[in-house]
Amino acid sequence: MKVFANVTYSDVTAKITEFTPAGFVTTDPVINALYSVDNLAIYPEYSALHYRQGDVQLGCTYNFTPALYTTAQLGYQIFGDIYTSSSNVHPLGDQTGSVWSGALGMGYKF
């Protein structure tokens, strides 16, 4: 039996620091009818994103014969959404959460 494990942690920060929407001009009538550039100036505020994510995976593979095997895997993920806007209005909604996952399979090597 082969056993494997994987643990990862990510801490990601992203922000648009400079954005100038004043130069956005289009002559396309569909875009002009459906799209407004009025809110483009707040992109730097909305783009102040901060996420933390942890992943843990554990699994094993068992060979019944040299060709026939089974594999099982269990995983857990946790995601922390740390929004740093001064207005506390999150454009995407709070995405904090966690999930368990699992997989079981059979295989045959030709």
PDB file of N, CA and C in Angstrom:
ATOM      1  N   MET A   1       0.850  -1.174   0.000  1.00  0.00           N
ATOM      2  CA  MET A   1       0.000   0.000   0.000  1.00  0.00           C
ATOM      3  C   MET A   1       0.895   1.235   0.000  1.00  0.00           C
ATOM      4  N   LYS A   2       0.537   2.187  -0.845  1.00  0.00           N
ATOM      5  CA  LYS A   2       1.221   3.469  -0.899  1.00  0.00           C
ATOM      6  C   LYS A   2       0.311   4.521  -0.281  1.00  0.00           C
ATOM      7  N   VAL A   3       0.855   5.310   0.623  1.00  0.00           N
ATOM      8  CA  VAL A   3       0.110   6.368   1.296  1.00  0.00           C
ATOM      9  C   VAL A   3       0.727   7.712   0.899  1.00  0.00           C
ATOM     10  N   PHE A   4      -0.115   8.699   0.658  1.00  0.00           N
ATOM     11  CA  PHE A   4       0.399  10.023   0.342  1.00  0.00           C
ATOM     12  C   PHE A   4      -0.371  11.079   1.120  1.00  0.00           C
ATOM     13  N   ALA A   5       0.305  12.187   1.365  1.00  0.00           N
ATOM     14  CA  ALA A   5      -0.309  13.310   2.072  1.00  0.00           C
ATOM     15  C   ALA A   5       0.210  14.610   1.470  1.00  0.00           C
ATOM     16  N   ASN A   6      -0.624  15.635   1.518  1.00  0.00           N
ATOM     17  CA  ASN A   6      -0.254  16.928   0.981  1.00  0.00           C
ATOM     18  C   ASN A   6      -0.895  18.012   1.845  1.00  0.00           C
ATOM     19  N   VAL A   7      -0.097  18.998   2.245  1.00  0.00           N
ATOM     20  CA  VAL A   7      -0.597  20.128   3.026  1.00  0.00           C
ATOM     21  C   VAL A   7      -0.076  21.403   2.367  1.00  0.00           C
ATOM     22  N   THR A   8      -0.976  22.342   2.080  1.00  0.00           N
ATOM     23  CA  THR A   8      -0.566  23.631   1.510  1.00  0.00           C
ATOM     24  C   THR A   8      -1.286  24.757   2.224  1.00  0.00           C
ATOM     25  N   TYR A   9      -0.629  25.918   2.243  1.00  0.00           N
ATOM     26  CA  TYR A   9      -1.203  27.127   2.830  1.00  0.00           C
ATOM     27  C   TYR A   9      -0.868  28.292   1.914  1.00  0.00           C
ATOM     28  N   SER A  10      -1.852  29.121   1.621  1.00  0.00           N
ATOM     29  CA  SER A  10      -1.649  30.290   0.765  1.00  0.00           C
ATOM     30  C   SER A  10      -2.193  31.523   1.455  1.00  0.00           C
ATOM     31  N   ASP A  11      -1.452  32.612   1.343  1.00  0.00           N
ATOM     32  CA  ASP A  11      -1.898  33.914   1.836  1.00  0.00           C
ATOM     33  C   ASP A  11      -1.682  34.897   0.689  1.00  0.00           C
ATOM     34  N   VAL A  12      -2.774  35.331   0.054  1.00  0.00           N
ATOM     35  CA  VAL A  12      -2.688  36.104  -1.183  1.00  0.00           C
ATOM     36  C   VAL A  12      -3.338  37.472  -0.995  1.00  0.00           C
ATOM     37  N   THR A  13      -2.641  38.496  -1.442  1.00  0.00           N
ATOM     38  CA  THR A  13      -3.166  39.857  -1.430  1.00  0.00           C
ATOM     39  C   THR A  13      -3.057  40.425  -2.836  1.00  0.00           C
ATOM     40  N   ALA A  14      -4.101  41.101  -3.277  1.00  0.00           N
ATOM     41  CA  ALA A  14      -4.074  41.714  -4.605  1.00  0.00           C
ATOM     42  C   ALA A  14      -4.832  43.035  -4.562  1.00  0.00           C
ATOM     43  N   LYS A  15      -4.329  44.006  -5.340  1.00  0.00           N
ATOM     44  CA  LYS A  15      -4.999  45.296  -5.419  1.00  0.00           C
ATOM     45  C   LYS A  15      -4.559  46.020  -6.681  1.00  0.00           C
ATOM     46  N   ILE A  16      -5.515  46.623  -7.354  1.00  0.00           N
ATOM     47  CA  ILE A  16      -5.208  47.518  -8.464  1.00  0.00           C
ATOM     48  C   ILE A  16      -4.837  48.850  -7.832  1.00  0.00           C
ATOM     49  N   THR A  17      -3.618  49.304  -8.029  1.00  0.00           N
ATOM     50  CA  THR A  17      -3.176  50.531  -7.366  1.00  0.00           C
ATOM     51  C   THR A  17      -3.440  51.779  -8.185  1.00  0.00           C
ATOM     52  N   GLU A  18      -3.521  51.634  -9.502  1.00  0.00           N
ATOM     53  CA  GLU A  18      -3.781  52.804 -10.342  1.00  0.00           C
ATOM     54  C   GLU A  18      -4.663  52.395 -11.504  1.00  0.00           C
ATOM     55  N   PHE A  19      -5.736  53.122 -11.677  1.00  0.00           N
ATOM     56  CA  PHE A  19      -6.659  52.824 -12.763  1.00  0.00           C
ATOM     57  C   PHE A  19      -7.261  54.135 -13.249  1.00  0.00           C
ATOM     58  N   THR A  20      -7.163  54.400 -14.536  1.00  0.00           N
ATOM     59  CA  THR A  20      -7.659  55.648 -15.094  1.00  0.00           C
ATOM     60  C   THR A  20      -8.740  55.342 -16.127  1.00  0.00           C
ATOM     61  N   PRO A  21     -10.008  55.405 -15.746  1.00  0.00           N
ATOM     62  CA  PRO A  21     -11.076  55.082 -16.692  1.00  0.00           C
ATOM     63  C   PRO A  21     -11.413  56.212 -17.660  1.00  0.00           C
ATOM     64  N   ALA A  22     -10.837  57.398 -17.471  1.00  0.00           N
ATOM     65  CA  ALA A  22     -11.213  58.542 -18.288  1.00  0.00           C
ATOM     66  C   ALA A  22     -10.942  58.321 -19.774  1.00  0.00           C
ATOM     67  N   GLY A  23      -9.962  57.503 -20.122  1.00  0.00           N
ATOM     68  CA  GLY A  23      -9.625  57.283 -21.522  1.00  0.00           C
ATOM     69  C   GLY A  23     -10.464  56.220 -22.208  1.00  0.00           C
ATOM     70  N   PHE A  24     -11.433  55.637 -21.511  1.00  0.00           N
ATOM     71  CA  PHE A  24     -12.253  54.579 -22.095  1.00  0.00           C
ATOM     72  C   PHE A  24     -13.366  55.192 -22.937  1.00  0.00           C
ATOM     73  N   VAL A  25     -13.255  55.050 -24.241  1.00  0.00           N
ATOM     74  CA  VAL A  25     -14.255  55.585 -25.162  1.00  0.00           C
ATOM     75  C   VAL A  25     -14.537  54.518 -26.207  1.00  0.00           C
ATOM     76  N   THR A  26     -15.817  54.296 -26.497  1.00  0.00           N
ATOM     77  CA  THR A  26     -16.198  53.347 -27.532  1.00  0.00           C
ATOM     78  C   THR A  26     -17.320  53.937 -28.370  1.00  0.00           C
ATOM     79  N   THR A  27     -17.343  53.555 -29.630  1.00  0.00           N
ATOM     80  CA  THR A  27     -18.422  53.993 -30.521  1.00  0.00           C
ATOM     81  C   THR A  27     -19.405  52.866 -30.788  1.00  0.00           C
ATOM     82  N   ASP A  28     -19.202  51.739 -30.145  1.00  0.00           N
ATOM     83  CA  ASP A  28     -20.095  50.592 -30.320  1.00  0.00           C
ATOM     84  C   ASP A  28     -21.433  50.897 -29.640  1.00  0.00           C
ATOM     85  N   PRO A  29     -22.542  50.939 -30.384  1.00  0.00           N
ATOM     86  CA  PRO A  29     -23.833  51.299 -29.771  1.00  0.00           C
ATOM     87  C   PRO A  29     -24.328  50.278 -28.749  1.00  0.00           C
ATOM     88  N   VAL A  30     -23.987  49.017 -28.921  1.00  0.00           N
ATOM     89  CA  VAL A  30     -24.419  47.994 -27.958  1.00  0.00           C
ATOM     90  C   VAL A  30     -23.697  48.182 -26.636  1.00  0.00           C
ATOM     91  N   ILE A  31     -22.399  48.367 -26.689  1.00  0.00           N
ATOM     92  CA  ILE A  31     -21.641  48.585 -25.445  1.00  0.00           C
ATOM     93  C   ILE A  31     -22.102  49.875 -24.777  1.00  0.00           C
ATOM     94  N   ASN A  32     -22.292  50.909 -25.543  1.00  0.00           N
ATOM     95  CA  ASN A  32     -22.744  52.184 -24.957  1.00  0.00           C
ATOM     96  C   ASN A  32     -24.124  52.070 -24.331  1.00  0.00           C
ATOM     97  N   ALA A  33     -24.982  51.213 -24.873  1.00  0.00           N
ATOM     98  CA  ALA A  33     -26.325  51.046 -24.315  1.00  0.00           C
ATOM     99  C   ALA A  33     -26.342  50.161 -23.072  1.00  0.00           C
ATOM    100  N   LEU A  34     -25.433  49.188 -23.007  1.00  0.00           N
ATOM    101  CA  LEU A  34     -25.473  48.204 -21.920  1.00  0.00           C
ATOM    102  C   LEU A  34     -24.436  48.428 -20.830  1.00  0.00           C
ATOM    103  N   TYR A  35     -23.438  49.233 -21.088  1.00  0.00           N
ATOM    104  CA  TYR A  35     -22.310  49.319 -20.168  1.00  0.00           C
ATOM    105  C   TYR A  35     -22.049  50.767 -19.785  1.00  0.00           C
ATOM    106  N   SER A  36     -21.874  51.021 -18.525  1.00  0.00           N
ATOM    107  CA  SER A  36     -21.568  52.363 -18.040  1.00  0.00           C
ATOM    108  C   SER A  36     -20.187  52.356 -17.398  1.00  0.00           C
ATOM    109  N   VAL A  37     -19.422  53.394 -17.646  1.00  0.00           N
ATOM    110  CA  VAL A  37     -18.083  53.492 -17.041  1.00  0.00           C
ATOM    111  C   VAL A  37     -18.126  54.316 -15.752  1.00  0.00           C
ATOM    112  N   ASP A  38     -19.299  54.651 -15.277  1.00  0.00           N
ATOM    113  CA  ASP A  38     -19.417  55.502 -14.091  1.00  0.00           C
ATOM    114  C   ASP A  38     -18.757  54.908 -12.858  1.00  0.00           C
ATOM    115  N   ASN A  39     -18.806  53.588 -12.693  1.00  0.00           N
ATOM    116  CA  ASN A  39     -18.260  52.955 -11.488  1.00  0.00           C
ATOM    117  C   ASN A  39     -16.822  52.476 -11.639  1.00  0.00           C
ATOM    118  N   LEU A  40     -16.199  52.716 -12.762  1.00  0.00           N
ATOM    119  CA  LEU A  40     -14.826  52.245 -12.953  1.00  0.00           C
ATOM    120  C   LEU A  40     -13.839  52.921 -12.001  1.00  0.00           C
ATOM    121  N   ALA A  41     -14.139  54.108 -11.559  1.00  0.00           N
ATOM    122  CA  ALA A  41     -13.230  54.824 -10.665  1.00  0.00           C
ATOM    123  C   ALA A  41     -13.089  54.156  -9.302  1.00  0.00           C
ATOM    124  N   ILE A  42     -14.046  53.299  -8.914  1.00  0.00           N
ATOM    125  CA  ILE A  42     -13.940  52.650  -7.598  1.00  0.00           C
ATOM    126  C   ILE A  42     -13.234  51.293  -7.675  1.00  0.00           C
ATOM    127  N   TYR A  43     -12.722  50.910  -8.834  1.00  0.00           N
ATOM    128  CA  TYR A  43     -11.991  49.640  -8.959  1.00  0.00           C
ATOM    129  C   TYR A  43     -10.851  49.506  -7.955  1.00  0.00           C
ATOM    130  N   PRO A  44     -10.016  50.524  -7.748  1.00  0.00           N
ATOM    131  CA  PRO A  44      -8.937  50.350  -6.756  1.00  0.00           C
ATOM    132  C   PRO A  44      -9.466  49.988  -5.371  1.00  0.00           C
ATOM    133  N   GLU A  45     -10.614  50.551  -4.973  1.00  0.00           N
ATOM    134  CA  GLU A  45     -11.182  50.220  -3.667  1.00  0.00           C
ATOM    135  C   GLU A  45     -11.718  48.789  -3.654  1.00  0.00           C
ATOM    136  N   TYR A  46     -12.427  48.375  -4.699  1.00  0.00           N
ATOM    137  CA  TYR A  46     -12.996  47.033  -4.764  1.00  0.00           C
ATOM    138  C   TYR A  46     -11.937  45.959  -4.969  1.00  0.00           C
ATOM    139  N   SER A  47     -10.786  46.326  -5.482  1.00  0.00           N
ATOM    140  CA  SER A  47      -9.779  45.318  -5.783  1.00  0.00           C
ATOM    141  C   SER A  47      -8.875  45.011  -4.596  1.00  0.00           C
ATOM    142  N   ALA A  48      -9.091  45.618  -3.449  1.00  0.00           N
ATOM    143  CA  ALA A  48      -8.271  45.359  -2.267  1.00  0.00           C
ATOM    144  C   ALA A  48      -8.686  44.025  -1.654  1.00  0.00           C
ATOM    145  N   LEU A  49      -8.183  42.935  -2.208  1.00  0.00           N
ATOM    146  CA  LEU A  49      -8.593  41.595  -1.800  1.00  0.00           C
ATOM    147  C   LEU A  49      -7.482  40.895  -1.031  1.00  0.00           C
ATOM    148  N   HIS A  50      -7.884  40.087  -0.068  1.00  0.00           N
ATOM    149  CA  HIS A  50      -6.935  39.333   0.759  1.00  0.00           C
ATOM    150  C   HIS A  50      -7.581  37.986   1.091  1.00  0.00           C
ATOM    151  N   TYR A  51      -6.913  36.919   0.706  1.00  0.00           N
ATOM    152  CA  TYR A  51      -7.428  35.566   0.919  1.00  0.00           C
ATOM    153  C   TYR A  51      -6.403  34.702   1.637  1.00  0.00           C
ATOM    154  N   ARG A  52      -6.891  33.807   2.460  1.00  0.00           N
ATOM    155  CA  ARG A  52      -6.059  32.775   3.076  1.00  0.00           C
ATOM    156  C   ARG A  52      -6.723  31.434   2.808  1.00  0.00           C
ATOM    157  N   GLN A  53      -5.919  30.466   2.389  1.00  0.00           N
ATOM    158  CA  GLN A  53      -6.474  29.157   2.055  1.00  0.00           C
ATOM    159  C   GLN A  53      -5.555  28.068   2.575  1.00  0.00           C
ATOM    160  N   GLY A  54      -6.160  27.050   3.150  1.00  0.00           N
ATOM    161  CA  GLY A  54      -5.428  25.872   3.597  1.00  0.00           C
ATOM    162  C   GLY A  54      -6.024  24.620   2.975  1.00  0.00           C
ATOM    163  N   ASP A  55      -5.165  23.720   2.542  1.00  0.00           N
ATOM    164  CA  ASP A  55      -5.586  22.460   1.927  1.00  0.00           C
ATOM    165  C   ASP A  55      -4.856  21.304   2.605  1.00  0.00           C
ATOM    166  N   VAL A  56      -5.594  20.256   2.913  1.00  0.00           N
ATOM    167  CA  VAL A  56      -5.008  19.025   3.451  1.00  0.00           C
ATOM    168  C   VAL A  56      -5.589  17.861   2.646  1.00  0.00           C
ATOM    169  N   GLN A  57      -4.717  17.000   2.146  1.00  0.00           N
ATOM    170  CA  GLN A  57      -5.159  15.826   1.399  1.00  0.00           C
ATOM    171  C   GLN A  57      -4.418  14.598   1.920  1.00  0.00           C
ATOM    172  N   LEU A  58      -5.143  13.511   2.018  1.00  0.00           N
ATOM    173  CA  LEU A  58      -4.578  12.240   2.462  1.00  0.00           C
ATOM    174  C   LEU A  58      -5.184  11.153   1.595  1.00  0.00           C
ATOM    175  N   GLY A  59      -4.357  10.241   1.138  1.00  0.00           N
ATOM    176  CA  GLY A  59      -4.873   9.185   0.287  1.00  0.00           C
ATOM    177  C   GLY A  59      -3.981   7.967   0.287  1.00  0.00           C
ATOM    178  N   CYS A  60      -4.460   6.941  -0.353  1.00  0.00           N
ATOM    179  CA  CYS A  60      -3.677   5.711  -0.451  1.00  0.00           C
ATOM    180  C   CYS A  60      -4.055   4.965  -1.722  1.00  0.00           C
ATOM    181  N   THR A  61      -3.141   4.138  -2.166  1.00  0.00           N
ATOM    182  CA  THR A  61      -3.359   3.246  -3.300  1.00  0.00           C
ATOM    183  C   THR A  61      -2.996   1.840  -2.863  1.00  0.00           C
ATOM    184  N   TYR A  62      -3.865   0.891  -3.150  1.00  0.00           N
ATOM    185  CA  TYR A  62      -3.622  -0.503  -2.788  1.00  0.00           C
ATOM    186  C   TYR A  62      -3.674  -1.350  -4.056  1.00  0.00           C
ATOM    187  N   ASN A  63      -2.636  -2.148  -4.274  1.00  0.00           N
ATOM    188  CA  ASN A  63      -2.565  -3.042  -5.430  1.00  0.00           C
ATOM    189  C   ASN A  63      -3.061  -4.436  -5.048  1.00  0.00           C
ATOM    190  N   PHE A  64      -4.150  -4.858  -5.692  1.00  0.00           N
ATOM    191  CA  PHE A  64      -4.619  -6.235  -5.515  1.00  0.00           C
ATOM    192  C   PHE A  64      -3.709  -7.199  -6.266  1.00  0.00           C
ATOM    193  N   THR A  65      -3.348  -6.804  -7.476  1.00  0.00           N
ATOM    194  CA  THR A  65      -2.403  -7.540  -8.321  1.00  0.00           C
ATOM    195  C   THR A  65      -1.480  -6.484  -8.932  1.00  0.00           C
ATOM    196  N   PRO A  66      -0.446  -6.874  -9.668  1.00  0.00           N
ATOM    197  CA  PRO A  66       0.388  -5.852 -10.312  1.00  0.00           C
ATOM    198  C   PRO A  66      -0.402  -4.942 -11.272  1.00  0.00           C
ATOM    199  N   ALA A  67      -1.553  -5.392 -11.762  1.00  0.00           N
ATOM    200  CA  ALA A  67      -2.320  -4.590 -12.715  1.00  0.00           C
ATOM    201  C   ALA A  67      -3.583  -3.971 -12.110  1.00  0.00           C
ATOM    202  N   LEU A  68      -4.210  -4.621 -11.140  1.00  0.00           N
ATOM    203  CA  LEU A  68      -5.478  -4.159 -10.576  1.00  0.00           C
ATOM    204  C   LEU A  68      -5.226  -3.441  -9.253  1.00  0.00           C
ATOM    205  N   TYR A  69      -5.782  -2.228  -9.145  1.00  0.00           N
ATOM    206  CA  TYR A  69      -5.546  -1.453  -7.922  1.00  0.00           C
ATOM    207  C   TYR A  69      -6.788  -0.628  -7.579  1.00  0.00           C
ATOM    208  N   THR A  70      -6.808  -0.151  -6.334  1.00  0.00           N
ATOM    209  CA  THR A  70      -7.841   0.774  -5.880  1.00  0.00           C
ATOM    210  C   THR A  70      -7.158   1.957  -5.217  1.00  0.00           C
ATOM    211  N   THR A  71      -7.807   3.082  -5.269  1.00  0.00           N
ATOM    212  CA  THR A  71      -7.251   4.288  -4.660  1.00  0.00           C
ATOM    213  C   THR A  71      -8.350   5.033  -3.914  1.00  0.00           C
ATOM    214  N   ALA A  72      -7.978   5.670  -2.829  1.00  0.00           N
ATOM    215  CA  ALA A  72      -8.917   6.455  -2.028  1.00  0.00           C
ATOM    216  C   ALA A  72      -8.243   7.764  -1.632  1.00  0.00           C
ATOM    217  N   GLN A  73      -9.035   8.808  -1.571  1.00  0.00           N
ATOM    218  CA  GLN A  73      -8.485  10.117  -1.219  1.00  0.00           C
ATOM    219  C   GLN A  73      -9.507  10.888  -0.404  1.00  0.00           C
ATOM    220  N   LEU A  74      -9.025  11.605   0.610  1.00  0.00           N
ATOM    221  CA  LEU A  74      -9.853  12.456   1.449  1.00  0.00           C
ATOM    222  C   LEU A  74      -9.194  13.828   1.496  1.00  0.00           C
ATOM    223  N   GLY A  75      -9.985  14.886   1.347  1.00  0.00           N
ATOM    224  CA  GLY A  75      -9.432  16.234   1.354  1.00  0.00           C
ATOM    225  C   GLY A  75     -10.269  17.190   2.171  1.00  0.00           C
ATOM    226  N   TYR A  76      -9.610  18.212   2.697  1.00  0.00           N
ATOM    227  CA  TYR A  76     -10.286  19.279   3.433  1.00  0.00           C
ATOM    228  C   TYR A  76      -9.679  20.601   2.990  1.00  0.00           C
ATOM    229  N   GLN A  77     -10.537  21.564   2.672  1.00  0.00           N
ATOM    230  CA  GLN A  77     -10.087  22.889   2.284  1.00  0.00           C
ATOM    231  C   GLN A  77     -10.816  23.925   3.127  1.00  0.00           C
ATOM    232  N   ILE A  78     -10.068  24.940   3.547  1.00  0.00           N
ATOM    233  CA  ILE A  78     -10.658  26.058   4.281  1.00  0.00           C
ATOM    234  C   ILE A  78     -10.199  27.335   3.590  1.00  0.00           C
ATOM    235  N   PHE A  79     -11.147  28.263   3.406  1.00  0.00           N
ATOM    236  CA  PHE A  79     -10.879  29.486   2.673  1.00  0.00           C
ATOM    237  C   PHE A  79     -11.325  30.669   3.512  1.00  0.00           C
ATOM    238  N   GLY A  80     -10.416  31.594   3.770  1.00  0.00           N
ATOM    239  CA  GLY A  80     -10.731  32.789   4.545  1.00  0.00           C
ATOM    240  C   GLY A  80     -10.657  34.017   3.665  1.00  0.00           C
ATOM    241  N   ASP A  81     -11.738  34.763   3.597  1.00  0.00           N
ATOM    242  CA  ASP A  81     -11.839  35.973   2.797  1.00  0.00           C
ATOM    243  C   ASP A  81     -11.666  37.161   3.742  1.00  0.00           C
ATOM    244  N   ILE A  82     -10.530  37.824   3.658  1.00  0.00           N
ATOM    245  CA  ILE A  82     -10.218  38.933   4.563  1.00  0.00           C
ATOM    246  C   ILE A  82     -10.262  40.208   3.738  1.00  0.00           C
ATOM    247  N   TYR A  83     -11.427  40.801   3.626  1.00  0.00           N
ATOM    248  CA  TYR A  83     -11.608  41.986   2.786  1.00  0.00           C
ATOM    249  C   TYR A  83     -11.198  43.231   3.557  1.00  0.00           C
ATOM    250  N   THR A  84     -10.388  44.068   2.932  1.00  0.00           N
ATOM    251  CA  THR A  84      -9.807  45.205   3.641  1.00  0.00           C
ATOM    252  C   THR A  84     -10.326  46.549   3.141  1.00  0.00           C
ATOM    253  N   SER A  85     -11.512  46.594   2.595  1.00  0.00           N
ATOM    254  CA  SER A  85     -12.066  47.847   2.098  1.00  0.00           C
ATOM    255  C   SER A  85     -12.497  48.729   3.265  1.00  0.00           C
ATOM    256  N   SER A  86     -12.269  50.018   3.119  1.00  0.00           N
ATOM    257  CA  SER A  86     -12.698  50.932   4.174  1.00  0.00           C
ATOM    258  C   SER A  86     -14.219  51.052   4.234  1.00  0.00           C
ATOM    259  N   SER A  87     -14.898  50.749   3.124  1.00  0.00           N
ATOM    260  CA  SER A  87     -16.351  50.831   3.107  1.00  0.00           C
ATOM    261  C   SER A  87     -17.013  49.537   3.576  1.00  0.00           C
ATOM    262  N   ASN A  88     -16.243  48.469   3.715  1.00  0.00           N
ATOM    263  CA  ASN A  88     -16.745  47.152   4.111  1.00  0.00           C
ATOM    264  C   ASN A  88     -17.845  46.631   3.194  1.00  0.00           C
ATOM    265  N   VAL A  89     -17.875  47.073   1.966  1.00  0.00           N
ATOM    266  CA  VAL A  89     -18.805  46.554   0.967  1.00  0.00           C
ATOM    267  C   VAL A  89     -18.010  45.654   0.048  1.00  0.00           C
ATOM    268  N   HIS A  90     -18.268  44.385   0.116  1.00  0.00           N
ATOM    269  CA  HIS A  90     -17.495  43.425  -0.675  1.00  0.00           C
ATOM    270  C   HIS A  90     -18.199  43.192  -2.000  1.00  0.00           C
ATOM    271  N   PRO A  91     -17.531  43.455  -3.119  1.00  0.00           N
ATOM    272  CA  PRO A  91     -18.198  43.321  -4.414  1.00  0.00           C
ATOM    273  C   PRO A  91     -18.574  41.886  -4.776  1.00  0.00           C
ATOM    274  N   LEU A  92     -17.861  40.913  -4.255  1.00  0.00           N
ATOM    275  CA  LEU A  92     -18.119  39.518  -4.603  1.00  0.00           C
ATOM    276  C   LEU A  92     -18.849  38.763  -3.501  1.00  0.00           C
ATOM    277  N   GLY A  93     -19.112  39.407  -2.381  1.00  0.00           N
ATOM    278  CA  GLY A  93     -19.711  38.724  -1.248  1.00  0.00           C
ATOM    279  C   GLY A  93     -18.643  38.000  -0.449  1.00  0.00           C
ATOM    280  N   ASP A  94     -18.929  37.690   0.780  1.00  0.00           N
ATOM    281  CA  ASP A  94     -17.972  36.977   1.632  1.00  0.00           C
ATOM    282  C   ASP A  94     -17.854  35.542   1.146  1.00  0.00           C
ATOM    283  N   GLN A  95     -16.643  35.135   0.832  1.00  0.00           N
ATOM    284  CA  GLN A  95     -16.435  33.801   0.280  1.00  0.00           C
ATOM    285  C   GLN A  95     -15.753  32.863   1.271  1.00  0.00           C
ATOM    286  N   THR A  96     -15.822  33.189   2.551  1.00  0.00           N
ATOM    287  CA  THR A  96     -15.237  32.343   3.578  1.00  0.00           C
ATOM    288  C   THR A  96     -16.028  31.040   3.675  1.00  0.00           C
ATOM    289  N   GLY A  97     -15.305  29.930   3.819  1.00  0.00           N
ATOM    290  CA  GLY A  97     -15.989  28.656   3.958  1.00  0.00           C
ATOM    291  C   GLY A  97     -15.014  27.505   3.961  1.00  0.00           C
ATOM    292  N   SER A  98     -15.559  26.306   4.068  1.00  0.00           N
ATOM    293  CA  SER A  98     -14.733  25.102   4.065  1.00  0.00           C
ATOM    294  C   SER A  98     -15.496  23.987   3.361  1.00  0.00           C
ATOM    295  N   VAL A  99     -14.748  22.970   2.943  1.00  0.00           N
ATOM    296  CA  VAL A  99     -15.363  21.849   2.236  1.00  0.00           C
ATOM    297  C   VAL A  99     -14.552  20.578   2.486  1.00  0.00           C
ATOM    298  N   TRP A 100     -15.256  19.481   2.637  1.00  0.00           N
ATOM    299  CA  TRP A 100     -14.660  18.146   2.674  1.00  0.00           C
ATOM    300  C   TRP A 100     -14.897  17.502   1.313  1.00  0.00           C
ATOM    301  N   SER A 101     -13.938  16.725   0.844  1.00  0.00           N
ATOM    302  CA  SER A 101     -14.119  16.005  -0.410  1.00  0.00           C
ATOM    303  C   SER A 101     -13.500  14.622  -0.292  1.00  0.00           C
ATOM    304  N   GLY A 102     -13.975  13.726  -1.114  1.00  0.00           N
ATOM    305  CA  GLY A 102     -13.439  12.372  -1.100  1.00  0.00           C
ATOM    306  C   GLY A 102     -13.591  11.720  -2.454  1.00  0.00           C
ATOM    307  N   ALA A 103     -12.756  10.742  -2.700  1.00  0.00           N
ATOM    308  CA  ALA A 103     -12.824  10.004  -3.961  1.00  0.00           C
ATOM    309  C   ALA A 103     -12.383   8.572  -3.718  1.00  0.00           C
ATOM    310  N   LEU A 104     -13.012   7.669  -4.445  1.00  0.00           N
ATOM    311  CA  LEU A 104     -12.680   6.253  -4.374  1.00  0.00           C
ATOM    312  C   LEU A 104     -12.691   5.734  -5.808  1.00  0.00           C
ATOM    313  N   GLY A 105     -11.667   5.013  -6.173  1.00  0.00           N
ATOM    314  CA  GLY A 105     -11.610   4.530  -7.553  1.00  0.00           C
ATOM    315  C   GLY A 105     -10.938   3.178  -7.680  1.00  0.00           C
ATOM    316  N   MET A 106     -11.211   2.565  -8.800  1.00  0.00           N
ATOM    317  CA  MET A 106     -10.574   1.288  -9.154  1.00  0.00           C
ATOM    318  C   MET A 106      -9.856   1.507 -10.480  1.00  0.00           C
ATOM    319  N   GLY A 107      -8.743   0.823 -10.659  1.00  0.00           N
ATOM    320  CA  GLY A 107      -8.013   0.969 -11.899  1.00  0.00           C
ATOM    321  C   GLY A 107      -7.385  -0.336 -12.345  1.00  0.00           C
ATOM    322  N   TYR A 108      -7.071  -0.376 -13.626  1.00  0.00           N
ATOM    323  CA  TYR A 108      -6.394  -1.536 -14.193  1.00  0.00           C
ATOM    324  C   TYR A 108      -5.319  -1.033 -15.141  1.00  0.00           C
ATOM    325  N   LYS A 109      -4.101  -1.485 -14.937  1.00  0.00           N
ATOM    326  CA  LYS A 109      -2.976  -1.083 -15.783  1.00  0.00           C
ATOM    327  C   LYS A 109      -2.809  -2.101 -16.909  1.00  0.00           C
ATOM    328  N   PHE A 110      -2.818  -1.598 -18.132  1.00  0.00           N
ATOM    329  CA  PHE A 110      -2.668  -2.477 -19.297  1.00  0.00           C
ATOM    330  C   PHE A 110      -1.201  -2.653 -19.635  1.00  0.00           C
TER     331      PHE A 110
END
